Amino acid sequence: MPPLIAMPLNDDTVSPGLLGFAVFIALLVATVFLIRSMGKQMKKINAPREADLKQQEWERAQEAKAAASAQTGAAAEKPAGDA
């Protein structure tokens, strides 16, 4: 077998070749699958919306007002001499 002829390397003639292309495609496919998986996981998250949080806060404030007025009303109904 004759020896291989050594060609000088030139920046214009050197390329990544088929292996570089295959690695690039593999990384691209892996990225697509990871993005799809992340999308599915994000859809599973059940975070409350801001409007729901404001509604809950308002309901708690109404309950606190009702409890305070009930305590004030019960204290006013007690006769002063029964203590």
PDB file of N, CA and C in Angstrom:
ATOM      1  N   MET A   1       0.843  -1.165   0.000  1.00  0.00           N
ATOM      2  CA  MET A   1       0.000   0.000   0.000  1.00  0.00           C
ATOM      3  C   MET A   1       0.895   1.237   0.000  1.00  0.00           C
ATOM      4  N   PRO A   2       0.625   2.151  -0.905  1.00  0.00           N
ATOM      5  CA  PRO A   2       1.480   3.340  -0.962  1.00  0.00           C
ATOM      6  C   PRO A   2       1.172   4.273   0.197  1.00  0.00           C
ATOM      7  N   PRO A   3       2.130   5.024   0.658  1.00  0.00           N
ATOM      8  CA  PRO A   3       1.898   5.969   1.762  1.00  0.00           C
ATOM      9  C   PRO A   3       0.916   7.058   1.338  1.00  0.00           C
ATOM     10  N   LEU A   4       0.155   7.500   2.327  1.00  0.00           N
ATOM     11  CA  LEU A   4      -0.805   8.562   2.068  1.00  0.00           C
ATOM     12  C   LEU A   4      -0.073   9.862   1.794  1.00  0.00           C
ATOM     13  N   ILE A   5      -0.578  10.581   0.853  1.00  0.00           N
ATOM     14  CA  ILE A   5       0.040  11.859   0.520  1.00  0.00           C
ATOM     15  C   ILE A   5      -0.436  12.881   1.539  1.00  0.00           C
ATOM     16  N   ALA A   6       0.487  13.514   2.195  1.00  0.00           N
ATOM     17  CA  ALA A   6       0.151  14.523   3.194  1.00  0.00           C
ATOM     18  C   ALA A   6      -0.202  15.823   2.503  1.00  0.00           C
ATOM     19  N   MET A   7      -1.429  16.257   2.749  1.00  0.00           N
ATOM     20  CA  MET A   7      -1.855  17.531   2.179  1.00  0.00           C
ATOM     21  C   MET A   7      -1.711  18.598   3.251  1.00  0.00           C
ATOM     22  N   PRO A   8      -1.235  19.742   2.889  1.00  0.00           N
ATOM     23  CA  PRO A   8      -1.116  20.806   3.889  1.00  0.00           C
ATOM     24  C   PRO A   8      -2.524  21.268   4.310  1.00  0.00           C
ATOM     25  N   LEU A   9      -2.691  21.513   5.608  1.00  0.00           N
ATOM     26  CA  LEU A   9      -3.980  21.986   6.119  1.00  0.00           C
ATOM     27  C   LEU A   9      -4.132  23.457   5.806  1.00  0.00           C
ATOM     28  N   ASN A  10      -5.284  23.781   5.312  1.00  0.00           N
ATOM     29  CA  ASN A  10      -5.583  25.157   4.951  1.00  0.00           C
ATOM     30  C   ASN A  10      -6.921  25.496   5.592  1.00  0.00           C
ATOM     31  N   ASP A  11      -7.055  26.680   6.134  1.00  0.00           N
ATOM     32  CA  ASP A  11      -8.314  27.070   6.786  1.00  0.00           C
ATOM     33  C   ASP A  11      -9.484  27.036   5.815  1.00  0.00           C
ATOM     34  N   ASP A  12      -9.238  27.190   4.561  1.00  0.00           N
ATOM     35  CA  ASP A  12     -10.313  27.165   3.568  1.00  0.00           C
ATOM     36  C   ASP A  12     -10.755  25.750   3.228  1.00  0.00           C
ATOM     37  N   THR A  13      -9.914  24.761   3.426  1.00  0.00           N
ATOM     38  CA  THR A  13     -10.249  23.390   3.034  1.00  0.00           C
ATOM     39  C   THR A  13     -10.642  22.509   4.197  1.00  0.00           C
ATOM     40  N   VAL A  14     -10.372  22.929   5.437  1.00  0.00           N
ATOM     41  CA  VAL A  14     -10.685  22.107   6.607  1.00  0.00           C
ATOM     42  C   VAL A  14     -12.127  22.379   7.022  1.00  0.00           C
ATOM     43  N   SER A  15     -12.900  21.305   7.245  1.00  0.00           N
ATOM     44  CA  SER A  15     -14.292  21.443   7.678  1.00  0.00           C
ATOM     45  C   SER A  15     -14.588  20.376   8.725  1.00  0.00           C
ATOM     46  N   PRO A  16     -15.672  20.541   9.493  1.00  0.00           N
ATOM     47  CA  PRO A  16     -16.008  19.566  10.528  1.00  0.00           C
ATOM     48  C   PRO A  16     -16.354  18.196   9.949  1.00  0.00           C
ATOM     49  N   GLY A  17     -16.832  18.152   8.750  1.00  0.00           N
ATOM     50  CA  GLY A  17     -17.118  16.873   8.121  1.00  0.00           C
ATOM     51  C   GLY A  17     -18.438  16.274   8.559  1.00  0.00           C
ATOM     52  N   LEU A  18     -18.603  15.009   8.235  1.00  0.00           N
ATOM     53  CA  LEU A  18     -19.843  14.300   8.522  1.00  0.00           C
ATOM     54  C   LEU A  18     -20.038  14.090  10.027  1.00  0.00           C
ATOM     55  N   LEU A  19     -18.960  13.818  10.746  1.00  0.00           N
ATOM     56  CA  LEU A  19     -19.068  13.612  12.192  1.00  0.00           C
ATOM     57  C   LEU A  19     -19.548  14.885  12.892  1.00  0.00           C
ATOM     58  N   GLY A  20     -19.021  16.020  12.529  1.00  0.00           N
ATOM     59  CA  GLY A  20     -19.455  17.286  13.115  1.00  0.00           C
ATOM     60  C   GLY A  20     -20.918  17.563  12.817  1.00  0.00           C
ATOM     61  N   PHE A  21     -21.339  17.268  11.593  1.00  0.00           N
ATOM     62  CA  PHE A  21     -22.743  17.453  11.220  1.00  0.00           C
ATOM     63  C   PHE A  21     -23.647  16.521  12.028  1.00  0.00           C
ATOM     64  N   ALA A  22     -23.244  15.268  12.213  1.00  0.00           N
ATOM     65  CA  ALA A  22     -24.038  14.296  12.975  1.00  0.00           C
ATOM     66  C   ALA A  22     -24.161  14.730  14.436  1.00  0.00           C
ATOM     67  N   VAL A  23     -23.089  15.218  15.019  1.00  0.00           N
ATOM     68  CA  VAL A  23     -23.134  15.692  16.407  1.00  0.00           C
ATOM     69  C   VAL A  23     -24.055  16.899  16.524  1.00  0.00           C
ATOM     70  N   PHE A  24     -23.997  17.800  15.566  1.00  0.00           N
ATOM     71  CA  PHE A  24     -24.871  18.971  15.574  1.00  0.00           C
ATOM     72  C   PHE A  24     -26.342  18.560  15.501  1.00  0.00           C
ATOM     73  N   ILE A  25     -26.676  17.634  14.622  1.00  0.00           N
ATOM     74  CA  ILE A  25     -28.058  17.163  14.487  1.00  0.00           C
ATOM     75  C   ILE A  25     -28.501  16.459  15.772  1.00  0.00           C
ATOM     76  N   ALA A  26     -27.633  15.664  16.384  1.00  0.00           N
ATOM     77  CA  ALA A  26     -27.981  14.978  17.634  1.00  0.00           C
ATOM     78  C   ALA A  26     -28.272  15.989  18.742  1.00  0.00           C
ATOM     79  N   LEU A  27     -27.468  17.025  18.842  1.00  0.00           N
ATOM     80  CA  LEU A  27     -27.712  18.065  19.846  1.00  0.00           C
ATOM     81  C   LEU A  27     -29.013  18.806  19.561  1.00  0.00           C
ATOM     82  N   LEU A  28     -29.298  19.044  18.301  1.00  0.00           N
ATOM     83  CA  LEU A  28     -30.534  19.721  17.922  1.00  0.00           C
ATOM     84  C   LEU A  28     -31.762  18.880  18.296  1.00  0.00           C
ATOM     85  N   VAL A  29     -31.708  17.583  18.012  1.00  0.00           N
ATOM     86  CA  VAL A  29     -32.821  16.681  18.350  1.00  0.00           C
ATOM     87  C   VAL A  29     -32.997  16.609  19.866  1.00  0.00           C
ATOM     88  N   ALA A  30     -31.904  16.500  20.612  1.00  0.00           N
ATOM     89  CA  ALA A  30     -31.992  16.446  22.074  1.00  0.00           C
ATOM     90  C   ALA A  30     -32.603  17.732  22.626  1.00  0.00           C
ATOM     91  N   THR A  31     -32.238  18.875  22.060  1.00  0.00           N
ATOM     92  CA  THR A  31     -32.796  20.158  22.507  1.00  0.00           C
ATOM     93  C   THR A  31     -34.298  20.221  22.257  1.00  0.00           C
ATOM     94  N   VAL A  32     -34.744  19.741  21.097  1.00  0.00           N
ATOM     95  CA  VAL A  32     -36.179  19.744  20.784  1.00  0.00           C
ATOM     96  C   VAL A  32     -36.936  18.886  21.792  1.00  0.00           C
ATOM     97  N   PHE A  33     -36.423  17.700  22.102  1.00  0.00           N
ATOM     98  CA  PHE A  33     -37.103  16.832  23.066  1.00  0.00           C
ATOM     99  C   PHE A  33     -37.112  17.442  24.464  1.00  0.00           C
ATOM    100  N   LEU A  34     -36.033  18.090  24.855  1.00  0.00           N
ATOM    101  CA  LEU A  34     -35.994  18.734  26.172  1.00  0.00           C
ATOM    102  C   LEU A  34     -36.993  19.882  26.258  1.00  0.00           C
ATOM    103  N   ILE A  35     -37.118  20.662  25.202  1.00  0.00           N
ATOM    104  CA  ILE A  35     -38.070  21.774  25.205  1.00  0.00           C
ATOM    105  C   ILE A  35     -39.499  21.248  25.277  1.00  0.00           C
ATOM    106  N   ARG A  36     -39.802  20.191  24.530  1.00  0.00           N
ATOM    107  CA  ARG A  36     -41.148  19.609  24.582  1.00  0.00           C
ATOM    108  C   ARG A  36     -41.458  19.072  25.980  1.00  0.00           C
ATOM    109  N   SER A  37     -40.484  18.411  26.593  1.00  0.00           N
ATOM    110  CA  SER A  37     -40.683  17.872  27.938  1.00  0.00           C
ATOM    111  C   SER A  37     -40.907  18.999  28.947  1.00  0.00           C
ATOM    112  N   MET A  38     -40.136  20.076  28.826  1.00  0.00           N
ATOM    113  CA  MET A  38     -40.303  21.209  29.734  1.00  0.00           C
ATOM    114  C   MET A  38     -41.694  21.816  29.573  1.00  0.00           C
ATOM    115  N   GLY A  39     -42.181  21.900  28.354  1.00  0.00           N
ATOM    116  CA  GLY A  39     -43.526  22.430  28.119  1.00  0.00           C
ATOM    117  C   GLY A  39     -44.589  21.587  28.806  1.00  0.00           C
ATOM    118  N   LYS A  40     -44.448  20.275  28.738  1.00  0.00           N
ATOM    119  CA  LYS A  40     -45.408  19.385  29.406  1.00  0.00           C
ATOM    120  C   LYS A  40     -45.362  19.568  30.917  1.00  0.00           C
ATOM    121  N   GLN A  41     -44.159  19.692  31.472  1.00  0.00           N
ATOM    122  CA  GLN A  41     -44.028  19.860  32.918  1.00  0.00           C
ATOM    123  C   GLN A  41     -44.593  21.204  33.368  1.00  0.00           C
ATOM    124  N   MET A  42     -44.410  22.240  32.567  1.00  0.00           N
ATOM    125  CA  MET A  42     -44.928  23.561  32.925  1.00  0.00           C
ATOM    126  C   MET A  42     -46.461  23.569  32.912  1.00  0.00           C
ATOM    127  N   LYS A  43     -47.064  22.791  32.012  1.00  0.00           N
ATOM    128  CA  LYS A  43     -48.525  22.726  31.969  1.00  0.00           C
ATOM    129  C   LYS A  43     -49.095  22.030  33.197  1.00  0.00           C
ATOM    130  N   LYS A  44     -48.308  21.170  33.841  1.00  0.00           N
ATOM    131  CA  LYS A  44     -48.773  20.447  35.025  1.00  0.00           C
ATOM    132  C   LYS A  44     -48.815  21.331  36.269  1.00  0.00           C
ATOM    133  N   ILE A  45     -48.092  22.444  36.242  1.00  0.00           N
ATOM    134  CA  ILE A  45     -48.039  23.332  37.408  1.00  0.00           C
ATOM    135  C   ILE A  45     -49.394  23.999  37.588  1.00  0.00           C
ATOM    136  N   ASN A  46     -49.908  23.960  38.801  1.00  0.00           N
ATOM    137  CA  ASN A  46     -51.217  24.532  39.094  1.00  0.00           C
ATOM    138  C   ASN A  46     -51.026  25.699  40.062  1.00  0.00           C
ATOM    139  N   ALA A  47     -50.503  26.782  39.557  1.00  0.00           N
ATOM    140  CA  ALA A  47     -50.266  27.962  40.389  1.00  0.00           C
ATOM    141  C   ALA A  47     -51.528  28.819  40.412  1.00  0.00           C
ATOM    142  N   PRO A  48     -51.869  29.401  41.576  1.00  0.00           N
ATOM    143  CA  PRO A  48     -53.058  30.259  41.632  1.00  0.00           C
ATOM    144  C   PRO A  48     -52.833  31.547  40.833  1.00  0.00           C
ATOM    145  N   ARG A  49     -53.893  32.035  40.264  1.00  0.00           N
ATOM    146  CA  ARG A  49     -53.808  33.285  39.514  1.00  0.00           C
ATOM    147  C   ARG A  49     -53.875  34.463  40.483  1.00  0.00           C
ATOM    148  N   GLU A  50     -53.424  35.613  40.020  1.00  0.00           N
ATOM    149  CA  GLU A  50     -53.401  36.807  40.873  1.00  0.00           C
ATOM    150  C   GLU A  50     -54.812  37.208  41.284  1.00  0.00           C
ATOM    151  N   ALA A  51     -55.777  37.064  40.393  1.00  0.00           N
ATOM    152  CA  ALA A  51     -57.161  37.417  40.718  1.00  0.00           C
ATOM    153  C   ALA A  51     -57.707  36.504  41.829  1.00  0.00           C
ATOM    154  N   ASP A  52     -57.343  35.221  41.781  1.00  0.00           N
ATOM    155  CA  ASP A  52     -57.788  34.292  42.821  1.00  0.00           C
ATOM    156  C   ASP A  52     -57.192  34.664  44.175  1.00  0.00           C
ATOM    157  N   LEU A  53     -55.920  35.071  44.175  1.00  0.00           N
ATOM    158  CA  LEU A  53     -55.277  35.467  45.428  1.00  0.00           C
ATOM    159  C   LEU A  53     -55.933  36.721  46.010  1.00  0.00           C
ATOM    160  N   LYS A  54     -56.272  37.679  45.160  1.00  0.00           N
ATOM    161  CA  LYS A  54     -56.941  38.892  45.636  1.00  0.00           C
ATOM    162  C   LYS A  54     -58.324  38.568  46.189  1.00  0.00           C
ATOM    163  N   GLN A  55     -59.026  37.638  45.535  1.00  0.00           N
ATOM    164  CA  GLN A  55     -60.355  37.241  46.009  1.00  0.00           C
ATOM    165  C   GLN A  55     -60.258  36.583  47.385  1.00  0.00           C
ATOM    166  N   GLN A  56     -59.274  35.701  47.572  1.00  0.00           N
ATOM    167  CA  GLN A  56     -59.094  35.055  48.876  1.00  0.00           C
ATOM    168  C   GLN A  56     -58.751  36.075  49.951  1.00  0.00           C
ATOM    169  N   GLU A  57     -57.918  37.042  49.622  1.00  0.00           N
ATOM    170  CA  GLU A  57     -57.551  38.083  50.583  1.00  0.00           C
ATOM    171  C   GLU A  57     -58.786  38.905  50.971  1.00  0.00           C
ATOM    172  N   TRP A  58     -59.619  39.236  49.994  1.00  0.00           N
ATOM    173  CA  TRP A  58     -60.832  40.002  50.261  1.00  0.00           C
ATOM    174  C   TRP A  58     -61.790  39.198  51.138  1.00  0.00           C
ATOM    175  N   GLU A  59     -61.932  37.906  50.873  1.00  0.00           N
ATOM    176  CA  GLU A  59     -62.823  37.063  51.679  1.00  0.00           C
ATOM    177  C   GLU A  59     -62.330  36.976  53.120  1.00  0.00           C
ATOM    178  N   ARG A  60     -61.008  36.850  53.311  1.00  0.00           N
ATOM    179  CA  ARG A  60     -60.466  36.813  54.676  1.00  0.00           C
ATOM    180  C   ARG A  60     -60.739  38.130  55.408  1.00  0.00           C
ATOM    181  N   ALA A  61     -60.608  39.239  54.699  1.00  0.00           N
ATOM    182  CA  ALA A  61     -60.869  40.544  55.314  1.00  0.00           C
ATOM    183  C   ALA A  61     -62.339  40.656  55.708  1.00  0.00           C
ATOM    184  N   GLN A  62     -63.258  40.157  54.877  1.00  0.00           N
ATOM    185  CA  GLN A  62     -64.679  40.192  55.202  1.00  0.00           C
ATOM    186  C   GLN A  62     -64.990  39.317  56.421  1.00  0.00           C
ATOM    187  N   GLU A  63     -64.359  38.151  56.486  1.00  0.00           N
ATOM    188  CA  GLU A  63     -64.565  37.271  57.647  1.00  0.00           C
ATOM    189  C   GLU A  63     -64.039  37.921  58.921  1.00  0.00           C
ATOM    190  N   ALA A  64     -62.901  38.599  58.818  1.00  0.00           N
ATOM    191  CA  ALA A  64     -62.336  39.269  59.986  1.00  0.00           C
ATOM    192  C   ALA A  64     -63.251  40.402  60.447  1.00  0.00           C
ATOM    193  N   LYS A  65     -63.821  41.153  59.500  1.00  0.00           N
ATOM    194  CA  LYS A  65     -64.764  42.221  59.866  1.00  0.00           C
ATOM    195  C   LYS A  65     -66.001  41.644  60.536  1.00  0.00           C
ATOM    196  N   ALA A  66     -66.511  40.537  59.994  1.00  0.00           N
ATOM    197  CA  ALA A  66     -67.706  39.913  60.567  1.00  0.00           C
ATOM    198  C   ALA A  66     -67.427  39.402  61.967  1.00  0.00           C
ATOM    199  N   ALA A  67     -66.258  38.799  62.177  1.00  0.00           N
ATOM    200  CA  ALA A  67     -65.909  38.292  63.508  1.00  0.00           C
ATOM    201  C   ALA A  67     -65.744  39.444  64.492  1.00  0.00           C
ATOM    202  N   ALA A  68     -65.135  40.537  64.054  1.00  0.00           N
ATOM    203  CA  ALA A  68     -64.939  41.694  64.941  1.00  0.00           C
ATOM    204  C   ALA A  68     -66.274  42.326  65.301  1.00  0.00           C
ATOM    205  N   SER A  69     -67.164  42.433  64.344  1.00  0.00           N
ATOM    206  CA  SER A  69     -68.460  43.036  64.648  1.00  0.00           C
ATOM    207  C   SER A  69     -69.304  42.100  65.518  1.00  0.00           C
ATOM    208  N   ALA A  70     -69.133  40.796  65.364  1.00  0.00           N
ATOM    209  CA  ALA A  70     -69.867  39.846  66.204  1.00  0.00           C
ATOM    210  C   ALA A  70     -69.375  39.937  67.655  1.00  0.00           C
ATOM    211  N   GLN A  71     -68.073  40.089  67.829  1.00  0.00           N
ATOM    212  CA  GLN A  71     -67.532  40.219  69.184  1.00  0.00           C
ATOM    213  C   GLN A  71     -67.967  41.535  69.818  1.00  0.00           C
ATOM    214  N   THR A  72     -67.979  42.587  69.050  1.00  0.00           N
ATOM    215  CA  THR A  72     -68.408  43.892  69.554  1.00  0.00           C
ATOM    216  C   THR A  72     -69.887  43.847  69.922  1.00  0.00           C
ATOM    217  N   GLY A  73     -70.692  43.213  69.099  1.00  0.00           N
ATOM    218  CA  GLY A  73     -72.128  43.100  69.371  1.00  0.00           C
ATOM    219  C   GLY A  73     -72.395  42.236  70.593  1.00  0.00           C
ATOM    220  N   ALA A  74     -71.632  41.155  70.783  1.00  0.00           N
ATOM    221  CA  ALA A  74     -71.835  40.275  71.936  1.00  0.00           C
ATOM    222  C   ALA A  74     -71.415  40.987  73.222  1.00  0.00           C
ATOM    223  N   ALA A  75     -70.387  41.811  73.162  1.00  0.00           N
ATOM    224  CA  ALA A  75     -69.943  42.542  74.355  1.00  0.00           C
ATOM    225  C   ALA A  75     -70.949  43.615  74.717  1.00  0.00           C
ATOM    226  N   ALA A  76     -71.607  44.207  73.743  1.00  0.00           N
ATOM    227  CA  ALA A  76     -72.583  45.256  74.008  1.00  0.00           C
ATOM    228  C   ALA A  76     -73.881  44.670  74.586  1.00  0.00           C
ATOM    229  N   GLU A  77     -74.197  43.414  74.284  1.00  0.00           N
ATOM    230  CA  GLU A  77     -75.432  42.796  74.780  1.00  0.00           C
ATOM    231  C   GLU A  77     -75.331  42.352  76.235  1.00  0.00           C
ATOM    232  N   LYS A  78     -74.130  42.170  76.769  1.00  0.00           N
ATOM    233  CA  LYS A  78     -73.994  41.742  78.175  1.00  0.00           C
ATOM    234  C   LYS A  78     -74.400  42.881  79.103  1.00  0.00           C
ATOM    235  N   PRO A  79     -75.223  42.598  80.078  1.00  0.00           N
ATOM    236  CA  PRO A  79     -75.558  43.648  81.068  1.00  0.00           C
ATOM    237  C   PRO A  79     -74.335  43.948  81.936  1.00  0.00           C
ATOM    238  N   ALA A  80     -74.215  45.192  82.323  1.00  0.00           N
ATOM    239  CA  ALA A  80     -73.074  45.624  83.106  1.00  0.00           C
ATOM    240  C   ALA A  80     -73.134  45.100  84.530  1.00  0.00           C
ATOM    241  N   GLY A  81     -74.283  44.837  85.082  1.00  0.00           N
ATOM    242  CA  GLY A  81     -74.408  44.407  86.467  1.00  0.00           C
ATOM    243  C   GLY A  81     -74.205  42.914  86.675  1.00  0.00           C
ATOM    244  N   ASP A  82     -74.146  42.106  85.640  1.00  0.00           N
ATOM    245  CA  ASP A  82     -74.005  40.659  85.790  1.00  0.00           C
ATOM    246  C   ASP A  82     -72.578  40.213  85.982  1.00  0.00           C
ATOM    247  N   ALA A  83     -71.634  41.067  86.055  1.00  0.00           N
ATOM    248  CA  ALA A  83     -70.238  40.685  86.143  1.00  0.00           C
ATOM    249  C   ALA A  83     -69.871  40.078  87.416  1.00  0.00           C
TER     250      ALA A  83
END
